[in-house]
PDB file of N, CA and C in Angstrom:
ATOM      1  N   UNK A   1     -19.085 -21.313  23.082  1.00  0.00           N
ATOM      2  CA  UNK A   1     -18.926 -21.998  21.828  1.00  0.00           C
ATOM      3  C   UNK A   1     -17.475 -21.879  21.385  1.00  0.00           C
ATOM      4  N   UNK A   2     -16.925 -22.935  20.875  1.00  0.00           N
ATOM      5  CA  UNK A   2     -15.526 -22.964  20.466  1.00  0.00           C
ATOM      6  C   UNK A   2     -15.335 -22.208  19.150  1.00  0.00           C
ATOM      7  N   UNK A   3     -14.158 -21.641  19.022  1.00  0.00           N
ATOM      8  CA  UNK A   3     -13.819 -20.955  17.780  1.00  0.00           C
ATOM      9  C   UNK A   3     -13.612 -21.980  16.676  1.00  0.00           C
ATOM     10  N   UNK A   4     -14.080 -21.666  15.450  1.00  0.00           N
ATOM     11  CA  UNK A   4     -13.830 -22.599  14.348  1.00  0.00           C
ATOM     12  C   UNK A   4     -12.342 -22.682  14.054  1.00  0.00           C
ATOM     13  N   UNK A   5     -11.883 -23.898  13.793  1.00  0.00           N
ATOM     14  CA  UNK A   5     -10.470 -24.112  13.522  1.00  0.00           C
ATOM     15  C   UNK A   5     -10.294 -24.801  12.184  1.00  0.00           C
ATOM     16  N   UNK A   6      -9.147 -24.555  11.575  1.00  0.00           N
ATOM     17  CA  UNK A   6      -8.803 -25.221  10.332  1.00  0.00           C
ATOM     18  C   UNK A   6      -8.258 -26.614  10.658  1.00  0.00           C
ATOM     19  N   UNK A   7      -8.102 -27.491   9.667  1.00  0.00           N
ATOM     20  CA  UNK A   7      -7.603 -28.843   9.939  1.00  0.00           C
ATOM     21  C   UNK A   7      -6.229 -28.871  10.615  1.00  0.00           C
ATOM     22  N   UNK A   8      -5.400 -27.849  10.432  1.00  0.00           N
ATOM     23  CA  UNK A   8      -4.090 -27.857  11.076  1.00  0.00           C
ATOM     24  C   UNK A   8      -4.127 -27.322  12.506  1.00  0.00           C
ATOM     25  N   UNK A   9      -5.305 -26.978  13.028  1.00  0.00           N
ATOM     26  CA  UNK A   9      -5.469 -26.576  14.413  1.00  0.00           C
ATOM     27  C   UNK A   9      -5.397 -25.077  14.652  1.00  0.00           C
ATOM     28  N   UNK A  10      -5.133 -24.306  13.628  1.00  0.00           N
ATOM     29  CA  UNK A  10      -5.066 -22.857  13.787  1.00  0.00           C
ATOM     30  C   UNK A  10      -6.468 -22.269  13.708  1.00  0.00           C
ATOM     31  N   UNK A  11      -6.728 -21.189  14.434  1.00  0.00           N
ATOM     32  CA  UNK A  11      -8.064 -20.580  14.356  1.00  0.00           C
ATOM     33  C   UNK A  11      -8.351 -20.059  12.952  1.00  0.00           C
ATOM     34  N   UNK A  12      -9.595 -20.242  12.530  1.00  0.00           N
ATOM     35  CA  UNK A  12     -10.016 -19.789  11.205  1.00  0.00           C
ATOM     36  C   UNK A  12     -10.361 -18.311  11.302  1.00  0.00           C
ATOM     37  N   UNK A  13      -9.540 -17.470  10.679  1.00  0.00           N
ATOM     38  CA  UNK A  13      -9.761 -16.026  10.709  1.00  0.00           C
ATOM     39  C   UNK A  13     -10.350 -15.588   9.380  1.00  0.00           C
ATOM     40  N   UNK A  14     -11.547 -15.021   9.402  1.00  0.00           N
ATOM     41  CA  UNK A  14     -12.138 -14.571   8.141  1.00  0.00           C
ATOM     42  C   UNK A  14     -11.387 -13.365   7.587  1.00  0.00           C
ATOM     43  N   UNK A  15     -11.425 -13.200   6.269  1.00  0.00           N
ATOM     44  CA  UNK A  15     -10.784 -12.071   5.615  1.00  0.00           C
ATOM     45  C   UNK A  15     -11.557 -10.795   5.867  1.00  0.00           C
ATOM     46  N   UNK A  16     -10.998  -9.672   5.464  1.00  0.00           N
ATOM     47  CA  UNK A  16     -11.675  -8.397   5.689  1.00  0.00           C
ATOM     48  C   UNK A  16     -12.946  -8.287   4.848  1.00  0.00           C
ATOM     49  N   UNK A  17     -13.935  -7.573   5.398  1.00  0.00           N
ATOM     50  CA  UNK A  17     -15.158  -7.366   4.627  1.00  0.00           C
ATOM     51  C   UNK A  17     -14.902  -6.311   3.552  1.00  0.00           C
ATOM     52  N   UNK A  18     -15.891  -6.000   2.769  1.00  0.00           N
ATOM     53  CA  UNK A  18     -15.712  -5.134   1.613  1.00  0.00           C
ATOM     54  C   UNK A  18     -15.232  -3.736   1.939  1.00  0.00           C
ATOM     55  N   UNK A  19     -15.838  -3.096   2.928  1.00  0.00           N
ATOM     56  CA  UNK A  19     -15.442  -1.722   3.234  1.00  0.00           C
ATOM     57  C   UNK A  19     -14.052  -1.671   3.853  1.00  0.00           C
ATOM     58  N   UNK A  20     -13.732  -2.647   4.678  1.00  0.00           N
ATOM     59  CA  UNK A  20     -12.399  -2.670   5.284  1.00  0.00           C
ATOM     60  C   UNK A  20     -11.318  -2.873   4.219  1.00  0.00           C
ATOM     61  N   UNK A  21     -11.576  -3.746   3.269  1.00  0.00           N
ATOM     62  CA  UNK A  21     -10.616  -3.984   2.187  1.00  0.00           C
ATOM     63  C   UNK A  21     -10.471  -2.737   1.317  1.00  0.00           C
ATOM     64  N   UNK A  22     -11.559  -2.037   1.077  1.00  0.00           N
ATOM     65  CA  UNK A  22     -11.499  -0.816   0.273  1.00  0.00           C
ATOM     66  C   UNK A  22     -10.699   0.286   0.948  1.00  0.00           C
ATOM     67  N   UNK A  23     -10.917   0.485   2.244  1.00  0.00           N
ATOM     68  CA  UNK A  23     -10.166   1.507   2.962  1.00  0.00           C
ATOM     69  C   UNK A  23      -8.688   1.138   3.054  1.00  0.00           C
ATOM     70  N   UNK A  24      -8.417  -0.165   3.207  1.00  0.00           N
ATOM     71  CA  UNK A  24      -7.027  -0.609   3.249  1.00  0.00           C
ATOM     72  C   UNK A  24      -6.347  -0.339   1.905  1.00  0.00           C
ATOM     73  N   UNK A  25      -7.044  -0.626   0.809  1.00  0.00           N
ATOM     74  CA  UNK A  25      -6.491  -0.384  -0.519  1.00  0.00           C
ATOM     75  C   UNK A  25      -6.221   1.102  -0.723  1.00  0.00           C
ATOM     76  N   UNK A  26      -7.165   1.938  -0.348  1.00  0.00           N
ATOM     77  CA  UNK A  26      -6.993   3.385  -0.480  1.00  0.00           C
ATOM     78  C   UNK A  26      -5.816   3.870   0.362  1.00  0.00           C
ATOM     79  N   UNK A  27      -5.686   3.336   1.559  1.00  0.00           N
ATOM     80  CA  UNK A  27      -4.580   3.725   2.431  1.00  0.00           C
ATOM     81  C   UNK A  27      -3.227   3.355   1.859  1.00  0.00           C
ATOM     82  N   UNK A  28      -3.113   2.135   1.329  1.00  0.00           N
ATOM     83  CA  UNK A  28      -1.846   1.708   0.721  1.00  0.00           C
ATOM     84  C   UNK A  28      -1.480   2.598  -0.460  1.00  0.00           C
ATOM     85  N   UNK A  29      -2.446   2.853  -1.327  1.00  0.00           N
ATOM     86  CA  UNK A  29      -2.152   3.646  -2.518  1.00  0.00           C
ATOM     87  C   UNK A  29      -1.804   5.096  -2.175  1.00  0.00           C
ATOM     88  N   UNK A  30      -2.599   5.726  -1.327  1.00  0.00           N
ATOM     89  CA  UNK A  30      -2.330   7.116  -0.971  1.00  0.00           C
ATOM     90  C   UNK A  30      -1.036   7.279  -0.193  1.00  0.00           C
ATOM     91  N   UNK A  31      -0.775   6.372   0.746  1.00  0.00           N
ATOM     92  CA  UNK A  31       0.452   6.505   1.523  1.00  0.00           C
ATOM     93  C   UNK A  31       1.684   6.305   0.649  1.00  0.00           C
ATOM     94  N   UNK A  32       1.619   5.382  -0.308  1.00  0.00           N
ATOM     95  CA  UNK A  32       2.750   5.196  -1.217  1.00  0.00           C
ATOM     96  C   UNK A  32       2.986   6.417  -2.078  1.00  0.00           C
ATOM     97  N   UNK A  33       1.923   6.975  -2.633  1.00  0.00           N
ATOM     98  CA  UNK A  33       2.056   8.152  -3.497  1.00  0.00           C
ATOM     99  C   UNK A  33       2.562   9.353  -2.702  1.00  0.00           C
ATOM    100  N   UNK A  34       2.038   9.556  -1.514  1.00  0.00           N
ATOM    101  CA  UNK A  34       2.445  10.715  -0.707  1.00  0.00           C
ATOM    102  C   UNK A  34       3.889  10.569  -0.233  1.00  0.00           C
ATOM    103  N   UNK A  35       4.260   9.379   0.247  1.00  0.00           N
ATOM    104  CA  UNK A  35       5.615   9.180   0.766  1.00  0.00           C
ATOM    105  C   UNK A  35       6.660   9.308  -0.338  1.00  0.00           C
ATOM    106  N   UNK A  36       6.503   8.531  -1.402  1.00  0.00           N
ATOM    107  CA  UNK A  36       7.499   8.557  -2.474  1.00  0.00           C
ATOM    108  C   UNK A  36       7.451   9.856  -3.272  1.00  0.00           C
ATOM    109  N   UNK A  37       6.277  10.451  -3.405  1.00  0.00           N
ATOM    110  CA  UNK A  37       6.192  11.755  -4.041  1.00  0.00           C
ATOM    111  C   UNK A  37       6.909  12.818  -3.221  1.00  0.00           C
ATOM    112  N   UNK A  38       6.779  12.737  -1.913  1.00  0.00           N
ATOM    113  CA  UNK A  38       7.502  13.664  -1.039  1.00  0.00           C
ATOM    114  C   UNK A  38       9.007  13.497  -1.148  1.00  0.00           C
ATOM    115  N   UNK A  39       9.468  12.260  -1.211  1.00  0.00           N
ATOM    116  CA  UNK A  39      10.907  12.037  -1.396  1.00  0.00           C
ATOM    117  C   UNK A  39      11.372  12.577  -2.754  1.00  0.00           C
ATOM    118  N   UNK A  40      10.557  12.375  -3.784  1.00  0.00           N
ATOM    119  CA  UNK A  40      10.900  12.918  -5.096  1.00  0.00           C
ATOM    120  C   UNK A  40      10.942  14.430  -5.089  1.00  0.00           C
ATOM    121  N   UNK A  41      10.035  15.047  -4.361  1.00  0.00           N
ATOM    122  CA  UNK A  41      10.027  16.506  -4.254  1.00  0.00           C
ATOM    123  C   UNK A  41      11.296  17.006  -3.565  1.00  0.00           C
ATOM    124  N   UNK A  42      11.717  16.299  -2.516  1.00  0.00           N
ATOM    125  CA  UNK A  42      12.952  16.682  -1.833  1.00  0.00           C
ATOM    126  C   UNK A  42      14.168  16.519  -2.741  1.00  0.00           C
ATOM    127  N   UNK A  43      14.169  15.482  -3.568  1.00  0.00           N
ATOM    128  CA  UNK A  43      15.251  15.303  -4.531  1.00  0.00           C
ATOM    129  C   UNK A  43      15.232  16.446  -5.549  1.00  0.00           C
ATOM    130  N   UNK A  44      14.041  16.867  -5.961  1.00  0.00           N
ATOM    131  CA  UNK A  44      13.928  18.014  -6.863  1.00  0.00           C
ATOM    132  C   UNK A  44      14.544  19.270  -6.247  1.00  0.00           C
ATOM    133  N   UNK A  45      14.248  19.516  -4.983  1.00  0.00           N
ATOM    134  CA  UNK A  45      14.809  20.695  -4.313  1.00  0.00           C
ATOM    135  C   UNK A  45      16.322  20.583  -4.199  1.00  0.00           C
ATOM    136  N   UNK A  46      16.801  19.378  -3.908  1.00  0.00           N
ATOM    137  CA  UNK A  46      18.226  19.168  -3.711  1.00  0.00           C
ATOM    138  C   UNK A  46      19.001  19.328  -5.022  1.00  0.00           C
ATOM    139  N   UNK A  47      18.483  18.732  -6.107  1.00  0.00           N
ATOM    140  CA  UNK A  47      19.181  18.767  -7.398  1.00  0.00           C
ATOM    141  C   UNK A  47      18.711  19.896  -8.314  1.00  0.00           C
ATOM    142  N   UNK A  48      17.749  20.681  -7.849  1.00  0.00           N
ATOM    143  CA  UNK A  48      17.182  21.800  -8.608  1.00  0.00           C
ATOM    144  C   UNK A  48      16.644  21.348  -9.966  1.00  0.00           C
ATOM    145  N   UNK A  49      15.822  20.311  -9.934  1.00  0.00           N
ATOM    146  CA  UNK A  49      15.172  19.783 -11.138  1.00  0.00           C
ATOM    147  C   UNK A  49      13.771  20.362 -11.266  1.00  0.00           C
ATOM    148  N   UNK A  50      13.221  20.413 -12.482  1.00  0.00           N
ATOM    149  CA  UNK A  50      11.864  20.973 -12.670  1.00  0.00           C
ATOM    150  C   UNK A  50      10.758  19.940 -12.428  1.00  0.00           C
ATOM    151  N   UNK A  51      10.575  19.487 -11.204  1.00  0.00           N
ATOM    152  CA  UNK A  51       9.503  18.566 -10.781  1.00  0.00           C
ATOM    153  C   UNK A  51       9.576  17.179 -11.431  1.00  0.00           C
ATOM    154  N   UNK A  52      10.754  16.786 -11.885  1.00  0.00           N
ATOM    155  CA  UNK A  52      10.912  15.450 -12.452  1.00  0.00           C
ATOM    156  C   UNK A  52      10.886  14.402 -11.347  1.00  0.00           C
ATOM    157  N   UNK A  53      11.571  14.686 -10.242  1.00  0.00           N
ATOM    158  CA  UNK A  53      11.612  13.749  -9.120  1.00  0.00           C
ATOM    159  C   UNK A  53      10.241  13.544  -8.507  1.00  0.00           C
ATOM    160  N   UNK A  54       9.440  14.593  -8.460  1.00  0.00           N
ATOM    161  CA  UNK A  54       8.082  14.482  -7.931  1.00  0.00           C
ATOM    162  C   UNK A  54       7.257  13.510  -8.767  1.00  0.00           C
ATOM    163  N   UNK A  55       7.317  13.654 -10.067  1.00  0.00           N
ATOM    164  CA  UNK A  55       6.569  12.772 -10.958  1.00  0.00           C
ATOM    165  C   UNK A  55       7.045  11.331 -10.835  1.00  0.00           C
ATOM    166  N   UNK A  56       8.353  11.141 -10.860  1.00  0.00           N
ATOM    167  CA  UNK A  56       8.904   9.786 -10.742  1.00  0.00           C
ATOM    168  C   UNK A  56       8.559   9.198  -9.375  1.00  0.00           C
ATOM    169  N   UNK A  57       8.663   9.995  -8.334  1.00  0.00           N
ATOM    170  CA  UNK A  57       8.333   9.526  -6.989  1.00  0.00           C
ATOM    171  C   UNK A  57       6.876   9.113  -6.859  1.00  0.00           C
ATOM    172  N   UNK A  58       5.972   9.883  -7.462  1.00  0.00           N
ATOM    173  CA  UNK A  58       4.547   9.536  -7.388  1.00  0.00           C
ATOM    174  C   UNK A  58       4.257   8.250  -8.160  1.00  0.00           C
ATOM    175  N   UNK A  59       4.910   8.070  -9.304  1.00  0.00           N
ATOM    176  CA  UNK A  59       4.707   6.833 -10.069  1.00  0.00           C
ATOM    177  C   UNK A  59       5.269   5.623  -9.323  1.00  0.00           C
ATOM    178  N   UNK A  60       6.445   5.786  -8.738  1.00  0.00           N
ATOM    179  CA  UNK A  60       7.035   4.701  -7.953  1.00  0.00           C
ATOM    180  C   UNK A  60       6.158   4.397  -6.737  1.00  0.00           C
ATOM    181  N   UNK A  61       5.631   5.430  -6.105  1.00  0.00           N
ATOM    182  CA  UNK A  61       4.763   5.234  -4.950  1.00  0.00           C
ATOM    183  C   UNK A  61       3.475   4.513  -5.304  1.00  0.00           C
ATOM    184  N   UNK A  62       2.896   4.844  -6.453  1.00  0.00           N
ATOM    185  CA  UNK A  62       1.682   4.147  -6.891  1.00  0.00           C
ATOM    186  C   UNK A  62       1.985   2.680  -7.175  1.00  0.00           C
ATOM    187  N   UNK A  63       3.113   2.421  -7.824  1.00  0.00           N
ATOM    188  CA  UNK A  63       3.492   1.036  -8.114  1.00  0.00           C
ATOM    189  C   UNK A  63       3.782   0.263  -6.831  1.00  0.00           C
ATOM    190  N   UNK A  64       4.484   0.893  -5.892  1.00  0.00           N
ATOM    191  CA  UNK A  64       4.782   0.226  -4.622  1.00  0.00           C
ATOM    192  C   UNK A  64       3.506  -0.032  -3.829  1.00  0.00           C
ATOM    193  N   UNK A  65       2.586   0.919  -3.833  1.00  0.00           N
ATOM    194  CA  UNK A  65       1.316   0.721  -3.138  1.00  0.00           C
ATOM    195  C   UNK A  65       0.511  -0.415  -3.735  1.00  0.00           C
ATOM    196  N   UNK A  66       0.478  -0.496  -5.062  1.00  0.00           N
ATOM    197  CA  UNK A  66      -0.244  -1.606  -5.704  1.00  0.00           C
ATOM    198  C   UNK A  66       0.423  -2.947  -5.408  1.00  0.00           C
ATOM    199  N   UNK A  67       1.765  -2.964  -5.402  1.00  0.00           N
ATOM    200  CA  UNK A  67       2.476  -4.205  -5.082  1.00  0.00           C
ATOM    201  C   UNK A  67       2.147  -4.670  -3.672  1.00  0.00           C
ATOM    202  N   UNK A  68       2.228  -3.753  -2.711  1.00  0.00           N
ATOM    203  CA  UNK A  68       1.922  -4.125  -1.327  1.00  0.00           C
ATOM    204  C   UNK A  68       0.460  -4.539  -1.169  1.00  0.00           C
ATOM    205  N   UNK A  69      -0.418  -3.889  -1.883  1.00  0.00           N
ATOM    206  CA  UNK A  69      -1.830  -4.225  -1.817  1.00  0.00           C
ATOM    207  C   UNK A  69      -2.085  -5.623  -2.356  1.00  0.00           C
ATOM    208  N   UNK A  70      -1.504  -5.942  -3.494  1.00  0.00           N
ATOM    209  CA  UNK A  70      -1.677  -7.277  -4.074  1.00  0.00           C
ATOM    210  C   UNK A  70      -1.071  -8.331  -3.169  1.00  0.00           C
ATOM    211  N   UNK A  71       0.109  -8.041  -2.617  1.00  0.00           N
ATOM    212  CA  UNK A  71       0.778  -8.996  -1.729  1.00  0.00           C
ATOM    213  C   UNK A  71      -0.049  -9.221  -0.458  1.00  0.00           C
ATOM    214  N   UNK A  72      -0.622  -8.171   0.088  1.00  0.00           N
ATOM    215  CA  UNK A  72      -1.407  -8.285   1.320  1.00  0.00           C
ATOM    216  C   UNK A  72      -2.745  -8.992   1.091  1.00  0.00           C
ATOM    217  N   UNK A  73      -3.389  -8.726  -0.039  1.00  0.00           N
ATOM    218  CA  UNK A  73      -4.730  -9.258  -0.266  1.00  0.00           C
ATOM    219  C   UNK A  73      -4.738 -10.678  -0.849  1.00  0.00           C
ATOM    220  N   UNK A  74      -3.615 -11.137  -1.396  1.00  0.00           N
ATOM    221  CA  UNK A  74      -3.598 -12.479  -1.976  1.00  0.00           C
ATOM    222  C   UNK A  74      -3.614 -13.523  -0.872  1.00  0.00           C
ATOM    223  N   UNK A  75      -4.291 -14.635  -1.111  1.00  0.00           N
ATOM    224  CA  UNK A  75      -4.390 -15.666  -0.049  1.00  0.00           C
ATOM    225  C   UNK A  75      -3.111 -16.412   0.180  1.00  0.00           C
TER     226      UNK A  75
END
């Protein structure tokens, strides 16, 4: 049986199901928070700040994760 195609001739690829989309969302958010929070922590150690960089890094990471998630999930 032939694969379903869109009018422009490209194969019709269905979007992710519910659990796959949920795990992807969790992955984007956690990886952003962990990565940017880690960079903020290193900045704290370097500049000898009282965990200000960690907080800012985690907030930036959450925002970046949400941005990437919205960009990836939008049609």
